[in-house]
Amino acid sequence: MYRLLLALFIVVPAVELTLLITLGHWIGGWTTFALILLSGFLGAYFAKREGKKVWEYAKYEWSKGQMPTQQLLDGICIFIGGLLMITPGIVTDILGFLLVLPWTRPIFKVLLMAVLQKRIGRRYRKHDCIQ
């Protein structure tokens, strides 16, 4: 996990910088700068809007005595997507929008659930061996 994070913190900024410089050559520096600002503001707006919807529905589920599992997954996706969208870059903005938008979020929820189940399963196997 450490190696993956280290690689992401090195590779992603390098790719983003390369794409931003290339985009700047194609459409101009000020236009690229404006797009970075626009995507940041739009990202914050969408993350806030979607976050409010998820929060309200989670409260509704909780009031009915049900665990809002799907809303928790939505909230995690929206939080990560919001962080990615306020980070300058093309790839992070695209991934962030995909995580925040309600039409594409279910794909990431399935992936997130698979990762969580795998991690939880691995933990239980470790504890079974110790006992």
Protein backbone atom coordinates (compact mmCIF):
# COMPACT_ATOMS: atom_id res chain seq x y z
CA MET A 1 0.00 0.00 0.00
CA TYR A 2 2.87 2.35 0.85
CA ARG A 3 4.50 1.77 -2.54
CA LEU A 4 1.24 2.43 -4.34
CA LEU A 5 0.72 5.72 -2.52
CA LEU A 6 4.31 6.75 -3.13
CA ALA A 7 3.96 5.98 -6.84
CA LEU A 8 0.69 7.92 -7.01
CA PHE A 9 2.21 10.96 -5.31
CA ILE A 10 5.04 10.96 -7.84
CA VAL A 11 3.37 9.82 -11.07
CA VAL A 12 0.04 11.67 -10.86
CA PRO A 13 1.53 15.18 -10.40
CA ALA A 14 4.02 14.51 -13.21
CA VAL A 15 1.23 13.42 -15.58
CA GLU A 16 -0.99 16.33 -14.51
CA LEU A 17 1.79 18.86 -15.05
CA THR A 18 2.56 17.45 -18.48
CA LEU A 19 -1.11 17.57 -19.49
CA LEU A 20 -1.57 21.11 -18.15
CA ILE A 21 1.50 22.37 -20.03
CA THR A 22 0.30 20.65 -23.21
CA LEU A 23 -3.20 22.09 -22.78
CA GLY A 24 -1.65 25.51 -22.17
CA HIS A 25 0.17 25.29 -25.49
CA TRP A 26 -3.03 24.29 -27.30
CA ILE A 27 -5.53 26.75 -25.84
CA GLY A 28 -3.33 29.31 -24.08
CA GLY A 29 -2.11 29.80 -20.56
CA TRP A 30 -4.88 32.09 -19.34
CA THR A 31 -7.60 29.84 -20.73
CA THR A 32 -5.99 26.84 -19.03
CA PHE A 33 -5.79 28.82 -15.79
CA ALA A 34 -9.48 29.77 -16.12
CA LEU A 35 -10.40 26.11 -16.69
CA ILE A 36 -8.50 25.08 -13.55
CA LEU A 37 -10.39 27.70 -11.51
CA LEU A 38 -13.72 26.79 -13.09
CA SER A 39 -13.28 23.09 -12.42
CA GLY A 40 -12.33 23.83 -8.80
CA PHE A 41 -15.42 25.98 -8.21
CA LEU A 42 -17.72 23.58 -10.06
CA GLY A 43 -16.23 20.69 -8.12
CA ALA A 44 -16.84 22.39 -4.79
CA TYR A 45 -20.41 23.25 -5.83
CA PHE A 46 -21.27 19.73 -7.01
CA ALA A 47 -19.62 18.09 -4.00
CA LYS A 48 -21.58 20.34 -1.63
CA ARG A 49 -24.86 19.78 -3.47
CA GLU A 50 -24.50 16.01 -3.72
CA GLY A 51 -23.20 15.80 -0.17
CA LYS A 52 -26.31 17.56 1.14
CA LYS A 53 -28.57 15.14 -0.76
CA VAL A 54 -26.74 12.12 0.60
CA TRP A 55 -26.72 13.52 4.15
CA GLU A 56 -30.47 14.17 4.08
CA TYR A 57 -31.24 10.69 2.79
CA ALA A 58 -28.86 9.12 5.33
CA LYS A 59 -30.67 10.96 8.14
CA TYR A 60 -33.99 9.70 6.75
CA GLU A 61 -32.72 6.10 6.65
CA TRP A 62 -31.32 6.41 10.17
CA SER A 63 -34.64 7.78 11.48
CA LYS A 64 -36.36 4.67 10.10
CA GLY A 65 -33.93 2.53 12.10
CA GLN A 66 -31.94 1.40 9.07
CA MET A 67 -28.19 1.62 8.62
CA PRO A 68 -27.47 4.07 5.75
CA THR A 69 -24.75 1.89 4.20
CA GLN A 70 -25.23 3.06 0.62
CA GLN A 71 -25.26 6.69 1.74
CA LEU A 72 -22.00 6.17 3.62
CA LEU A 73 -20.43 4.82 0.44
CA ASP A 74 -21.88 7.76 -1.49
CA GLY A 75 -20.43 10.13 1.08
CA ILE A 76 -16.97 8.59 0.80
CA CYS A 77 -17.11 8.84 -3.01
CA ILE A 78 -18.29 12.45 -2.89
CA PHE A 79 -15.61 13.41 -0.37
CA ILE A 80 -12.81 11.85 -2.44
CA GLY A 81 -14.29 13.31 -5.64
CA GLY A 82 -14.47 16.77 -4.09
CA LEU A 83 -10.84 16.57 -3.02
CA LEU A 84 -9.80 15.47 -6.49
CA MET A 85 -11.74 18.29 -8.16
CA ILE A 86 -10.18 21.05 -6.09
CA THR A 87 -6.75 19.61 -6.89
CA PRO A 88 -5.46 21.29 -10.07
CA GLY A 89 -5.24 18.87 -12.96
CA ILE A 90 -7.11 17.29 -15.81
CA VAL A 91 -7.04 13.63 -14.78
CA THR A 92 -7.94 14.41 -11.16
CA ASP A 93 -10.81 16.66 -12.28
CA ILE A 94 -12.26 13.99 -14.57
CA LEU A 95 -11.98 11.31 -11.90
CA GLY A 96 -13.41 13.70 -9.31
CA PHE A 97 -16.44 14.54 -11.45
CA LEU A 98 -17.04 10.83 -12.09
CA LEU A 99 -17.00 10.19 -8.33
CA VAL A 100 -19.36 13.08 -7.53
CA LEU A 101 -21.94 12.75 -10.30
CA PRO A 102 -24.84 10.48 -9.29
CA TRP A 103 -24.91 8.68 -12.67
CA THR A 104 -21.34 7.38 -12.51
CA ARG A 105 -20.90 7.07 -8.74
CA PRO A 106 -22.45 3.55 -8.53
CA ILE A 107 -19.48 2.15 -10.48
CA PHE A 108 -17.07 3.48 -7.88
CA LYS A 109 -19.31 2.37 -5.01
CA VAL A 110 -19.05 -1.22 -6.25
CA LEU A 111 -15.27 -0.92 -6.46
CA LEU A 112 -15.07 0.71 -3.01
CA MET A 113 -17.25 -2.01 -1.51
CA ALA A 114 -15.05 -4.72 -3.04
CA VAL A 115 -11.92 -3.09 -1.60
CA LEU A 116 -13.53 -2.74 1.84
CA GLN A 117 -14.73 -6.35 1.84
CA LYS A 118 -11.29 -7.56 0.82
CA ARG A 119 -9.61 -5.53 3.59
CA ILE A 120 -12.11 -6.66 6.21
CA GLY A 121 -11.80 -10.28 5.11
CA ARG A 122 -8.02 -10.09 5.34
CA ARG A 123 -8.27 -8.69 8.87
CA TYR A 124 -10.53 -11.52 10.02
CA ARG A 125 -8.21 -14.13 8.55
CA LYS A 126 -5.26 -12.62 10.44
CA HIS A 127 -7.20 -12.63 13.71
CA ASP A 128 -8.33 -16.24 13.18
CA CYS A 129 -4.72 -17.38 12.82
CA ILE A 130 -3.70 -15.68 16.08
CA GLN A 131 -6.44 -17.25 18.18
